[in-house]
Amino acid sequence: LRLKAFPLILQKVYSVFPEQRYFGAFQFGTPVLFIRCPKMIKKILGDDFETFPDRRSIMDADLDPIWAKNLHAMPGGDQWRNKRSTLSLGFGDENLEKTFESMKTCAKNLAYFFLERNSESVELVDATSKFANDVIASAVFGVACDSLQNRRNEFYSMSKHITEFNLLRLFKLFGYSVSPRLMKFFRFKIIEERTSRFYSGIVQDRCSKEDNHLVSFFANNGIGNDNKDHLDEAIAQGIHFFVSGYETVSIGLSFVLYELAINNDIQLKLRKEVDSLMEACKDVSYAHVLHLDYLDMVVSESLRKWPPTVLIDRKSVRPFTIDAEQIWDTTTTFKENTLCLIPIFAIHRDKKYYPNPDEFVPERFSSTNRDNIVPNTYMPFGFGPRNCIGSQFALLEIKTAVLYLVHEFEIVCTPKTKHPVKLSRTGFQLSPAGGLWVGLKARRTPETL
C-alpha cells in the first residue's frame, strides 16, 4: 500500500525540478523522461508525432487479438491512422445528436434516483458509475439498462468486472509496464474469455439489425477482409470504449457535482443559466447543451482540477534529440523506445500556469480568459493525433447530467462531505478515498421531470 495517492506522487516528482524542461527518472525500474515543458509536450503529442506515435503497452495480436485491435492498444502506423480517421466519424456531430436522446433518458433516471433519496447523503461515484454504464450500454451497444434501479443487470455486472481494480488487474498492468515480453511468455490477456464472449454476443445481435448505435457503426466501418474482421473490430472498439469511458465519465461527473456542493455561489450562477434554458424550451436539444457557456466553464474547470486521466505516455520509435535552450543546457540525443511521461494532474495544478490552482474558478475558461491559458497546459483528454477519440461524447454525457441535476436539485454538503478531498492510495487513476458524499434537495415535484 502506497503512502500517497498516485496523482500526488506524480505532483511531488514533478515539483522536484521546477526549472527543468524535463528530467530522467525510473518507473518500476524502467528509465523514463518526465516532461514538464509545454513546448516539448506539443512536440511529443503533436508536431513530432511520427517520432512518438505509440503508447507504452502494445498488446501482441496473437495473444489477445480482440484487445490488440482497439485504437488505444495499436501501434501508431498506417493501419492505426486509417482506423482512427474512419472511426472518428462515429463521434461527429451527427452521431452525437443521435445518441443525445439516450443520454437525456439516463440523466432523467439519475434524477429520479436522487429524488427517491431526497436530502439524504448520497455517494456520487457509485451513482454516476451506473449512469455512465447505462449511457454506454444504450448509445454504444443499443442495450436499455436502468442500473440505478437494477444494479444486478448483466451489463452493469460486466462493466464492474472489467473496470474494477483488483490484484490480478494490478499485476497485469504492472507486468505489461515492466516486462511485456514476460507477460506475453506466460500468455496473460487483458481481455478475459468470458468478457470477450459477453460482448461478442451483444455485438453480433446488434449488427444483425439495422440501427444507429455506435457499435453498428464500428462494424460497418471496420478495417479487415471479411465480416469476422469487422465483427472483431466492433467488439474491440466497444470494449475499449467501455473501459475508457466508464470511469472517465463517472469520476468527471462526480467531481463537478462535488465542486458545486462546496461552491454554492457557482452553483447558483449555473442554475440561473440552466433554468433560463429550461423555461425557454420544452425539449432540450443537443445544440442547446453546446451553447450553455457557463456550464462549459464549470465542467472545464472541474476537469482541470480533477482530470480523470492523470498521466499519459508516449514511446519513441526512433532516436530523437532535445536541443539546448540555455547556457547551462546540453543538447542530448535519446535512443529509440524511450518512454516519455506527461503528468497531466501535476501540470493542471502548477501555479505557474493556474494561479491558486487548488481553487475552483470556472472563469479561467471564460471566452475572455481562455486565450490567456498557456498552450499545451490543459489536456484532460490529451491532444494531438492520439487524443481521446470519445472526448466530445464524454463531455456531452457529463454536461447533460449536470444540466438536469442542477435544474432539479440543490446540491449541498452533508456531515459526510469531506473537504478537502482525500484521494485513494490504490490504483493509478484519480479516485476519492471513501467516495464523494453530498446531499441533493429536490426543488420541485417528480412530475416536472
Protein backbone atom coordinates (compact mmCIF):
# COMPACT_ATOMS: atom_id res chain seq x y z
CA LEU A 1 0.00 0.00 0.00
CA ARG A 2 1.42 3.36 -1.04
CA LEU A 3 1.80 6.18 1.47
CA LYS A 4 0.39 8.65 -1.08
CA ALA A 5 -2.14 8.59 -3.88
CA PHE A 6 -0.58 8.12 -7.31
CA PRO A 7 -1.62 11.60 -8.61
CA LEU A 8 0.02 13.19 -5.56
CA ILE A 9 3.19 11.15 -6.11
CA LEU A 10 3.31 12.47 -9.68
CA GLN A 11 2.81 16.01 -8.39
CA LYS A 12 5.65 15.58 -5.89
CA VAL A 13 8.03 14.17 -8.51
CA TYR A 14 7.07 16.95 -10.94
CA SER A 15 7.92 19.62 -8.36
CA VAL A 16 11.44 18.33 -7.62
CA PHE A 17 12.99 20.13 -10.61
CA PRO A 18 10.84 23.26 -11.07
CA GLU A 19 13.20 24.96 -13.54
CA GLN A 20 13.85 21.95 -15.76
CA ARG A 21 12.07 21.31 -19.04
CA TYR A 22 12.42 17.57 -18.49
CA PHE A 23 14.27 15.15 -16.25
CA GLY A 24 15.04 11.45 -16.09
CA ALA A 25 13.64 9.03 -13.54
CA PHE A 26 12.88 5.36 -13.04
CA GLN A 27 9.36 3.94 -13.01
CA PHE A 28 9.26 0.35 -11.76
CA GLY A 29 12.89 0.00 -12.84
CA THR A 30 12.26 1.40 -16.34
CA PRO A 31 14.11 4.63 -17.29
CA VAL A 32 11.65 7.34 -18.33
CA LEU A 33 11.64 11.04 -19.19
CA PHE A 34 9.29 13.28 -17.20
CA ILE A 35 8.22 16.12 -19.49
CA ARG A 36 7.44 19.46 -17.81
CA CYS A 37 7.78 21.96 -20.68
CA PRO A 38 4.59 22.83 -22.64
CA LYS A 39 6.59 23.33 -25.84
CA MET A 40 8.08 19.86 -25.50
CA ILE A 41 4.63 18.42 -24.78
CA LYS A 42 3.40 19.97 -28.04
CA LYS A 43 6.28 18.37 -29.92
CA ILE A 44 5.75 14.91 -28.44
CA LEU A 45 1.96 14.81 -28.71
CA GLY A 46 1.63 16.80 -31.91
CA ASP A 47 4.41 18.21 -34.05
CA ASP A 48 6.75 15.20 -33.81
CA PHE A 49 4.01 12.58 -33.69
CA GLU A 50 5.83 10.41 -36.24
CA THR A 51 8.64 10.00 -33.68
CA PHE A 52 6.24 9.37 -30.76
CA PRO A 53 3.26 7.51 -32.27
CA ASP A 54 2.95 4.72 -29.69
CA ARG A 55 1.75 4.24 -26.16
CA ARG A 56 3.72 2.06 -23.79
CA SER A 57 1.81 -1.22 -23.68
CA ILE A 58 1.27 -2.56 -27.16
CA MET A 59 -0.56 -5.87 -26.94
CA ASP A 60 0.58 -8.84 -29.02
CA ALA A 61 -2.14 -9.52 -31.60
CA ASP A 62 -1.58 -13.29 -31.42
CA LEU A 63 -2.01 -13.35 -27.64
CA ASP A 64 -5.03 -11.06 -27.29
CA PRO A 65 -6.45 -10.45 -30.78
CA ILE A 66 -9.53 -8.58 -29.57
CA TRP A 67 -7.75 -6.09 -27.32
CA ALA A 68 -4.95 -5.61 -29.87
CA LYS A 69 -7.45 -4.27 -32.41
CA ASN A 70 -8.60 -1.29 -30.35
CA LEU A 71 -7.21 2.16 -31.09
CA HIS A 72 -5.57 2.55 -27.69
CA ALA A 73 -3.50 -0.62 -27.98
CA MET A 74 -2.48 -0.39 -31.63
CA PRO A 75 0.93 0.96 -32.68
CA GLY A 76 0.57 4.28 -34.47
CA GLY A 77 1.28 3.20 -38.04
CA ASP A 78 -0.75 3.44 -41.23
CA GLN A 79 -3.34 0.89 -40.09
CA TRP A 80 -3.94 2.84 -36.87
CA ARG A 81 -4.15 6.11 -38.81
CA ASN A 82 -6.71 4.74 -41.26
CA LYS A 83 -8.78 3.22 -38.47
CA ARG A 84 -8.66 6.39 -36.40
CA SER A 85 -9.75 8.50 -39.36
CA THR A 86 -12.69 6.22 -40.09
CA LEU A 87 -13.87 5.75 -36.50
CA SER A 88 -13.63 9.49 -35.77
CA LEU A 89 -16.70 9.91 -37.98
CA GLY A 90 -18.67 7.98 -35.37
CA PHE A 91 -18.11 10.79 -32.87
CA GLY A 92 -19.05 13.68 -35.13
CA ASP A 93 -21.99 16.00 -34.51
CA GLU A 94 -24.43 13.86 -36.49
CA ASN A 95 -23.88 10.73 -34.41
CA LEU A 96 -23.63 12.63 -31.13
CA GLU A 97 -27.00 14.20 -31.85
CA LYS A 98 -28.44 10.71 -32.41
CA THR A 99 -27.12 9.46 -29.06
CA PHE A 100 -28.26 12.55 -27.15
CA GLU A 101 -31.76 11.19 -26.55
CA SER A 102 -30.25 8.16 -24.80
CA MET A 103 -28.18 10.47 -22.62
CA LYS A 104 -31.26 12.51 -21.68
CA THR A 105 -33.17 9.37 -20.67
CA CYS A 106 -30.29 8.20 -18.48
CA ALA A 107 -29.89 11.67 -16.95
CA LYS A 108 -33.59 11.70 -16.03
CA ASN A 109 -33.24 8.23 -14.49
CA LEU A 110 -30.37 9.59 -12.40
CA ALA A 111 -32.54 12.49 -11.27
CA TYR A 112 -35.36 10.10 -10.27
CA PHE A 113 -32.85 8.03 -8.31
CA PHE A 114 -31.82 11.10 -6.32
CA LEU A 115 -35.45 12.17 -5.83
CA GLU A 116 -36.08 8.88 -4.03
CA ARG A 117 -33.25 9.81 -1.66
CA ASN A 118 -34.24 13.45 -1.27
CA SER A 119 -31.91 15.30 1.14
CA GLU A 120 -30.13 12.09 2.16
CA SER A 121 -26.37 11.77 1.87
CA VAL A 122 -25.58 10.01 -1.39
CA GLU A 123 -22.27 8.70 -2.68
CA LEU A 124 -21.71 10.21 -6.10
CA VAL A 125 -19.18 7.85 -7.67
CA ASP A 126 -21.39 4.80 -7.17
CA ALA A 127 -24.47 6.53 -8.61
CA THR A 128 -22.70 8.18 -11.54
CA SER A 129 -20.98 4.91 -12.48
CA LYS A 130 -24.44 3.44 -13.09
CA PHE A 131 -25.36 6.47 -15.18
CA ALA A 132 -22.17 6.08 -17.24
CA ASN A 133 -22.85 2.36 -17.66
CA ASP A 134 -26.38 2.94 -18.90
CA VAL A 135 -25.40 5.65 -21.39
CA ILE A 136 -22.70 3.47 -22.95
CA ALA A 137 -24.97 0.41 -22.94
CA SER A 138 -27.73 2.33 -24.69
CA ALA A 139 -25.85 4.67 -27.03
CA VAL A 140 -22.99 2.36 -27.98
CA PHE A 141 -24.48 -1.14 -27.74
CA GLY A 142 -28.20 -0.48 -28.09
CA VAL A 143 -28.99 -2.21 -24.79
CA ALA A 144 -31.51 -0.50 -22.49
CA CYS A 145 -30.48 -0.63 -18.82
CA ASP A 146 -31.58 1.06 -15.63
CA SER A 147 -28.73 0.11 -13.34
CA LEU A 148 -29.82 2.61 -10.71
CA GLN A 149 -32.93 0.50 -10.08
CA ASN A 150 -31.49 -2.88 -11.07
CA ARG A 151 -27.82 -2.95 -10.21
CA ARG A 152 -27.67 -6.70 -10.80
CA ASN A 153 -28.34 -6.48 -14.52
CA GLU A 154 -25.79 -8.38 -16.56
CA PHE A 155 -24.42 -5.37 -18.39
CA TYR A 156 -23.62 -3.46 -15.21
CA SER A 157 -22.13 -6.55 -13.57
CA MET A 158 -19.80 -7.00 -16.54
CA SER A 159 -18.85 -3.32 -16.60
CA LYS A 160 -17.92 -3.52 -12.92
CA HIS A 161 -15.88 -6.64 -13.62
CA ILE A 162 -13.82 -5.16 -16.45
CA THR A 163 -13.19 -1.83 -14.71
CA GLU A 164 -12.66 -2.88 -11.09
CA PHE A 165 -9.11 -2.55 -9.81
CA ASN A 166 -8.24 -5.90 -8.24
CA LEU A 167 -4.91 -7.59 -7.53
CA LEU A 168 -4.93 -9.57 -10.77
CA ARG A 169 -5.51 -6.46 -12.85
CA LEU A 170 -2.84 -4.61 -10.88
CA PHE A 171 -0.44 -7.46 -11.63
CA LYS A 172 -1.25 -7.36 -15.35
CA LEU A 173 -0.85 -3.58 -15.60
CA PHE A 174 2.37 -3.69 -13.63
CA GLY A 175 3.65 -6.64 -15.66
CA TYR A 176 2.98 -5.08 -19.04
CA SER A 177 4.60 -1.84 -17.83
CA VAL A 178 7.76 -3.55 -16.58
CA SER A 179 8.20 -6.63 -18.76
CA PRO A 180 5.81 -7.04 -21.70
CA ARG A 181 7.87 -9.97 -23.01
CA LEU A 182 7.45 -11.90 -19.76
CA MET A 183 3.70 -11.27 -19.75
CA LYS A 184 3.47 -12.50 -23.33
CA PHE A 185 5.52 -15.57 -22.45
CA PHE A 186 3.02 -16.53 -19.73
CA ARG A 187 0.15 -15.55 -22.06
CA PHE A 188 -1.61 -13.12 -19.74
CA LYS A 189 -4.51 -11.46 -21.54
CA ILE A 190 -6.06 -8.07 -20.87
CA ILE A 191 -9.49 -9.22 -22.03
CA GLU A 192 -10.65 -12.47 -20.45
CA GLU A 193 -12.56 -15.08 -22.44
CA ARG A 194 -15.85 -14.56 -20.61
CA THR A 195 -15.66 -10.81 -21.23
CA SER A 196 -14.98 -11.37 -24.91
CA ARG A 197 -17.86 -13.85 -25.20
CA PHE A 198 -20.30 -11.49 -23.46
CA TYR A 199 -19.60 -8.51 -25.71
CA SER A 200 -19.30 -10.70 -28.79
CA GLY A 201 -22.85 -11.94 -28.24
CA ILE A 202 -24.19 -8.40 -27.86
CA VAL A 203 -22.30 -7.09 -30.89
CA GLN A 204 -23.45 -9.96 -33.12
CA ASP A 205 -27.04 -9.34 -32.07
CA ARG A 206 -26.87 -5.59 -32.70
CA CYS A 207 -25.05 -5.94 -36.00
CA SER A 208 -27.75 -8.29 -37.28
CA LYS A 209 -30.20 -5.39 -37.03
CA GLU A 210 -30.24 -2.03 -38.75
CA ASP A 211 -29.88 0.69 -36.14
CA ASN A 212 -27.92 3.83 -35.36
CA HIS A 213 -25.92 2.58 -32.40
CA LEU A 214 -22.18 3.17 -32.39
CA VAL A 215 -21.25 -0.50 -32.27
CA SER A 216 -23.03 -0.96 -35.62
CA PHE A 217 -21.03 1.95 -36.98
CA PHE A 218 -17.82 0.30 -35.75
CA ALA A 219 -18.74 -2.95 -37.51
CA ASN A 220 -19.88 -1.32 -40.75
CA ASN A 221 -16.74 0.79 -40.93
CA GLY A 222 -14.20 -1.76 -39.72
CA ILE A 223 -10.88 -2.44 -41.35
CA GLY A 224 -10.45 -6.02 -42.46
CA ASN A 225 -11.01 -8.54 -45.20
CA ASP A 226 -14.22 -10.21 -44.09
CA ASN A 227 -17.21 -9.99 -41.78
CA LYS A 228 -15.33 -11.67 -38.91
CA ASP A 229 -12.65 -8.97 -39.07
CA HIS A 230 -15.33 -6.31 -38.94
CA LEU A 231 -17.10 -8.03 -36.05
CA ASP A 232 -13.84 -8.28 -34.10
CA GLU A 233 -13.29 -4.58 -34.81
CA ALA A 234 -16.68 -3.72 -33.33
CA ILE A 235 -16.06 -5.88 -30.24
CA ALA A 236 -12.61 -4.36 -29.71
CA GLN A 237 -13.75 -0.75 -30.04
CA GLY A 238 -16.87 -1.38 -27.95
CA ILE A 239 -14.91 -2.92 -25.07
CA HIS A 240 -12.28 -0.19 -25.23
CA PHE A 241 -14.97 2.48 -25.23
CA PHE A 242 -16.43 0.93 -22.10
CA VAL A 243 -13.09 0.60 -20.32
CA SER A 244 -12.08 4.17 -21.20
CA GLY A 245 -15.42 5.93 -20.89
CA TYR A 246 -16.97 4.31 -17.82
CA GLU A 247 -14.66 5.70 -15.13
CA THR A 248 -13.81 8.88 -17.06
CA VAL A 249 -17.44 9.98 -17.01
CA SER A 250 -18.18 8.66 -13.52
CA ILE A 251 -15.21 10.40 -11.90
CA GLY A 252 -15.54 13.50 -14.07
CA LEU A 253 -19.24 13.97 -13.31
CA SER A 254 -18.83 13.20 -9.60
CA PHE A 255 -16.23 15.91 -9.11
CA VAL A 256 -18.33 18.50 -10.96
CA LEU A 257 -21.25 17.82 -8.59
CA TYR A 258 -18.93 17.82 -5.57
CA GLU A 259 -17.45 21.21 -6.53
CA LEU A 260 -20.94 22.66 -6.98
CA ALA A 261 -21.87 21.46 -3.49
CA ILE A 262 -18.93 23.22 -1.83
CA ASN A 263 -19.13 26.32 -4.08
CA ASN A 264 -22.75 27.39 -3.76
CA ASP A 265 -22.24 30.75 -5.46
CA ILE A 266 -21.03 28.97 -8.59
CA GLN A 267 -23.96 26.54 -8.39
CA LEU A 268 -26.44 29.43 -8.21
CA LYS A 269 -24.89 31.12 -11.24
CA LEU A 270 -25.02 27.87 -13.21
CA ARG A 271 -28.62 27.21 -12.16
CA LYS A 272 -29.64 30.62 -13.46
CA GLU A 273 -28.28 29.73 -16.91
CA VAL A 274 -29.85 26.25 -16.85
CA ASP A 275 -33.26 27.45 -15.61
CA SER A 276 -33.35 30.09 -18.35
CA LEU A 277 -32.88 27.38 -20.95
CA MET A 278 -35.47 25.07 -19.38
CA GLU A 279 -38.06 27.87 -19.24
CA ALA A 280 -37.41 28.87 -22.84
CA CYS A 281 -37.78 25.42 -24.42
CA LYS A 282 -39.82 22.33 -23.66
CA ASP A 283 -37.36 19.84 -25.08
CA VAL A 284 -33.62 20.28 -24.56
CA SER A 285 -31.62 19.54 -27.70
CA TYR A 286 -28.00 18.66 -28.42
CA ALA A 287 -27.48 22.18 -29.80
CA HIS A 288 -28.86 23.74 -26.60
CA VAL A 289 -26.27 21.96 -24.45
CA LEU A 290 -23.43 23.10 -26.71
CA HIS A 291 -24.42 26.74 -26.23
CA LEU A 292 -24.50 26.79 -22.42
CA ASP A 293 -21.35 28.85 -21.85
CA TYR A 294 -21.19 28.79 -18.06
CA LEU A 295 -21.87 25.05 -17.96
CA ASP A 296 -18.89 24.60 -20.28
CA MET A 297 -16.74 26.76 -17.99
CA VAL A 298 -17.74 24.78 -14.89
CA VAL A 299 -17.06 21.40 -16.49
CA SER A 300 -13.76 22.62 -17.99
CA GLU A 301 -12.53 23.88 -14.62
CA SER A 302 -13.52 20.65 -12.89
CA LEU A 303 -11.57 18.65 -15.49
CA ARG A 304 -8.64 20.99 -14.93
CA LYS A 305 -8.66 20.44 -11.20
CA TRP A 306 -9.68 16.77 -11.31
CA PRO A 307 -8.55 15.23 -14.63
CA PRO A 308 -9.72 11.58 -14.76
CA THR A 309 -6.52 10.68 -16.64
CA VAL A 310 -3.59 11.85 -14.52
CA LEU A 311 -0.72 10.66 -16.72
CA ILE A 312 -0.19 9.91 -20.40
CA ASP A 313 2.80 8.31 -22.06
CA ARG A 314 4.39 8.16 -25.49
CA LYS A 315 7.19 5.92 -26.74
CA SER A 316 9.70 6.95 -29.38
CA VAL A 317 10.12 4.69 -32.40
CA ARG A 318 13.44 6.26 -33.42
CA PRO A 319 16.23 8.30 -31.80
CA PHE A 320 15.44 11.95 -31.08
CA THR A 321 17.36 14.99 -29.91
CA ILE A 322 16.42 17.66 -27.37
CA ASP A 323 18.33 20.84 -28.19
CA ALA A 324 19.85 23.07 -25.52
CA GLU A 325 17.92 26.27 -24.80
CA GLN A 326 20.05 27.85 -22.07
CA ILE A 327 23.78 28.20 -21.50
CA TRP A 328 23.69 25.51 -18.82
CA ASP A 329 21.70 23.13 -21.03
CA THR A 330 23.23 20.40 -23.13
CA THR A 331 21.94 19.01 -26.39
CA THR A 332 21.02 15.38 -25.73
CA THR A 333 20.10 12.53 -28.05
CA PHE A 334 17.88 9.73 -26.75
CA LYS A 335 17.52 6.21 -28.06
CA GLU A 336 14.64 4.52 -29.80
CA ASN A 337 11.97 3.17 -27.39
CA THR A 338 12.49 6.00 -24.89
CA LEU A 339 9.36 6.37 -22.77
CA CYS A 340 8.12 9.92 -22.15
CA LEU A 341 5.64 10.63 -19.33
CA ILE A 342 3.40 13.70 -19.27
CA PRO A 343 1.92 14.24 -15.77
CA ILE A 344 -1.41 15.90 -16.57
CA PHE A 345 -2.56 16.18 -12.94
CA ALA A 346 0.64 17.95 -11.90
CA ILE A 347 0.61 20.35 -14.87
CA HIS A 348 -3.04 21.23 -14.22
CA ARG A 349 -2.09 22.06 -10.61
CA ASP A 350 1.04 24.09 -11.47
CA LYS A 351 0.59 27.63 -10.08
CA LYS A 352 2.83 28.95 -12.87
CA TYR A 353 0.00 28.18 -15.29
CA TYR A 354 -3.01 28.35 -12.98
CA PRO A 355 -2.78 30.84 -10.08
CA ASN A 356 -4.31 29.41 -6.89
CA PRO A 357 -4.62 26.01 -8.58
CA ASP A 358 -6.50 24.37 -5.69
CA GLU A 359 -9.34 26.88 -6.00
CA PHE A 360 -12.33 26.17 -8.23
CA VAL A 361 -12.56 29.12 -10.64
CA PRO A 362 -14.70 28.49 -13.76
CA GLU A 363 -13.87 31.99 -15.03
CA ARG A 364 -10.44 30.68 -16.04
CA PHE A 365 -12.30 29.26 -19.05
CA SER A 366 -14.42 32.26 -19.98
CA SER A 367 -14.21 33.50 -23.57
CA THR A 368 -12.04 36.36 -22.32
CA ASN A 369 -9.65 34.34 -20.17
CA ARG A 370 -9.39 31.09 -22.13
CA ASP A 371 -6.92 32.66 -24.57
CA ASN A 372 -4.65 33.50 -21.62
CA ILE A 373 -4.14 29.84 -20.73
CA VAL A 374 -0.63 28.77 -21.70
CA PRO A 375 -0.94 26.45 -24.72
CA ASN A 376 -0.47 22.75 -24.02
CA THR A 377 -1.10 23.05 -20.26
CA TYR A 378 -4.78 21.99 -20.37
CA MET A 379 -5.29 18.45 -21.64
CA PRO A 380 -7.87 16.40 -19.70
CA PHE A 381 -8.27 14.19 -22.78
CA GLY A 382 -4.76 14.64 -24.17
CA PHE A 383 -4.34 16.32 -27.54
CA GLY A 384 -2.78 15.73 -30.91
CA PRO A 385 -3.45 12.84 -33.32
CA ARG A 386 -3.73 10.35 -30.46
CA ASN A 387 -6.03 12.26 -28.13
CA CYS A 388 -9.17 10.64 -26.71
CA ILE A 389 -11.43 9.88 -29.67
CA GLY A 390 -14.53 9.90 -27.45
CA SER A 391 -13.84 13.16 -25.61
CA GLN A 392 -16.85 15.00 -27.08
CA PHE A 393 -19.09 12.05 -26.20
CA ALA A 394 -17.82 12.10 -22.60
CA LEU A 395 -18.25 15.88 -22.31
CA LEU A 396 -21.80 15.65 -23.61
CA GLU A 397 -22.62 12.92 -21.07
CA ILE A 398 -21.28 14.98 -18.18
CA LYS A 399 -22.95 18.22 -19.28
CA THR A 400 -26.33 16.55 -19.86
CA ALA A 401 -26.35 15.01 -16.38
CA VAL A 402 -25.23 18.25 -14.71
CA LEU A 403 -27.89 20.22 -16.57
CA TYR A 404 -30.77 18.05 -15.32
CA LEU A 405 -29.45 17.67 -11.78
CA VAL A 406 -28.78 21.39 -11.26
CA HIS A 407 -32.25 22.17 -12.58
CA GLU A 408 -33.98 19.66 -10.30
CA PHE A 409 -31.87 19.84 -7.11
CA GLU A 410 -29.92 21.99 -4.75
CA ILE A 411 -26.63 20.16 -4.29
CA VAL A 412 -25.49 20.62 -0.71
CA CYS A 413 -22.82 19.48 1.71
CA THR A 414 -23.71 16.98 4.42
CA PRO A 415 -21.84 15.77 7.52
CA LYS A 416 -20.34 13.07 5.27
CA THR A 417 -18.90 15.58 2.79
CA LYS A 418 -15.12 15.70 3.11
CA HIS A 419 -13.26 18.90 2.31
CA PRO A 420 -10.57 18.76 1.14
CA VAL A 421 -10.93 15.50 -0.76
CA LYS A 422 -8.68 12.66 0.29
CA LEU A 423 -7.50 10.64 -2.71
CA SER A 424 -7.29 6.86 -2.69
CA ARG A 425 -3.85 5.29 -2.42
CA THR A 426 -4.83 2.29 -4.55
CA GLY A 427 -4.86 2.29 -8.33
CA PHE A 428 -3.21 4.61 -10.81
CA GLN A 429 -6.05 7.00 -11.57
CA LEU A 430 -7.95 9.71 -9.77
CA SER A 431 -10.20 8.18 -7.13
CA PRO A 432 -11.59 9.71 -3.91
CA ALA A 433 -10.95 7.62 -0.80
CA GLY A 434 -14.32 6.66 0.67
CA GLY A 435 -16.19 8.23 -2.24
CA LEU A 436 -17.72 11.70 -2.64
CA TRP A 437 -20.74 12.37 -0.45
CA VAL A 438 -23.26 15.19 -0.95
CA GLY A 439 -26.97 15.82 -0.45
CA LEU A 440 -29.48 16.61 -3.21
CA LYS A 441 -32.58 18.56 -2.15
CA ALA A 442 -35.42 18.46 -4.66
CA ARG A 443 -36.55 21.87 -5.95
CA ARG A 444 -39.78 20.55 -7.47
CA THR A 445 -42.10 17.53 -7.56
CA PRO A 446 -41.23 14.40 -9.56
CA GLU A 447 -43.98 15.12 -12.12
CA THR A 448 -41.96 18.01 -13.53
CA LEU A 449 -39.15 15.77 -14.77
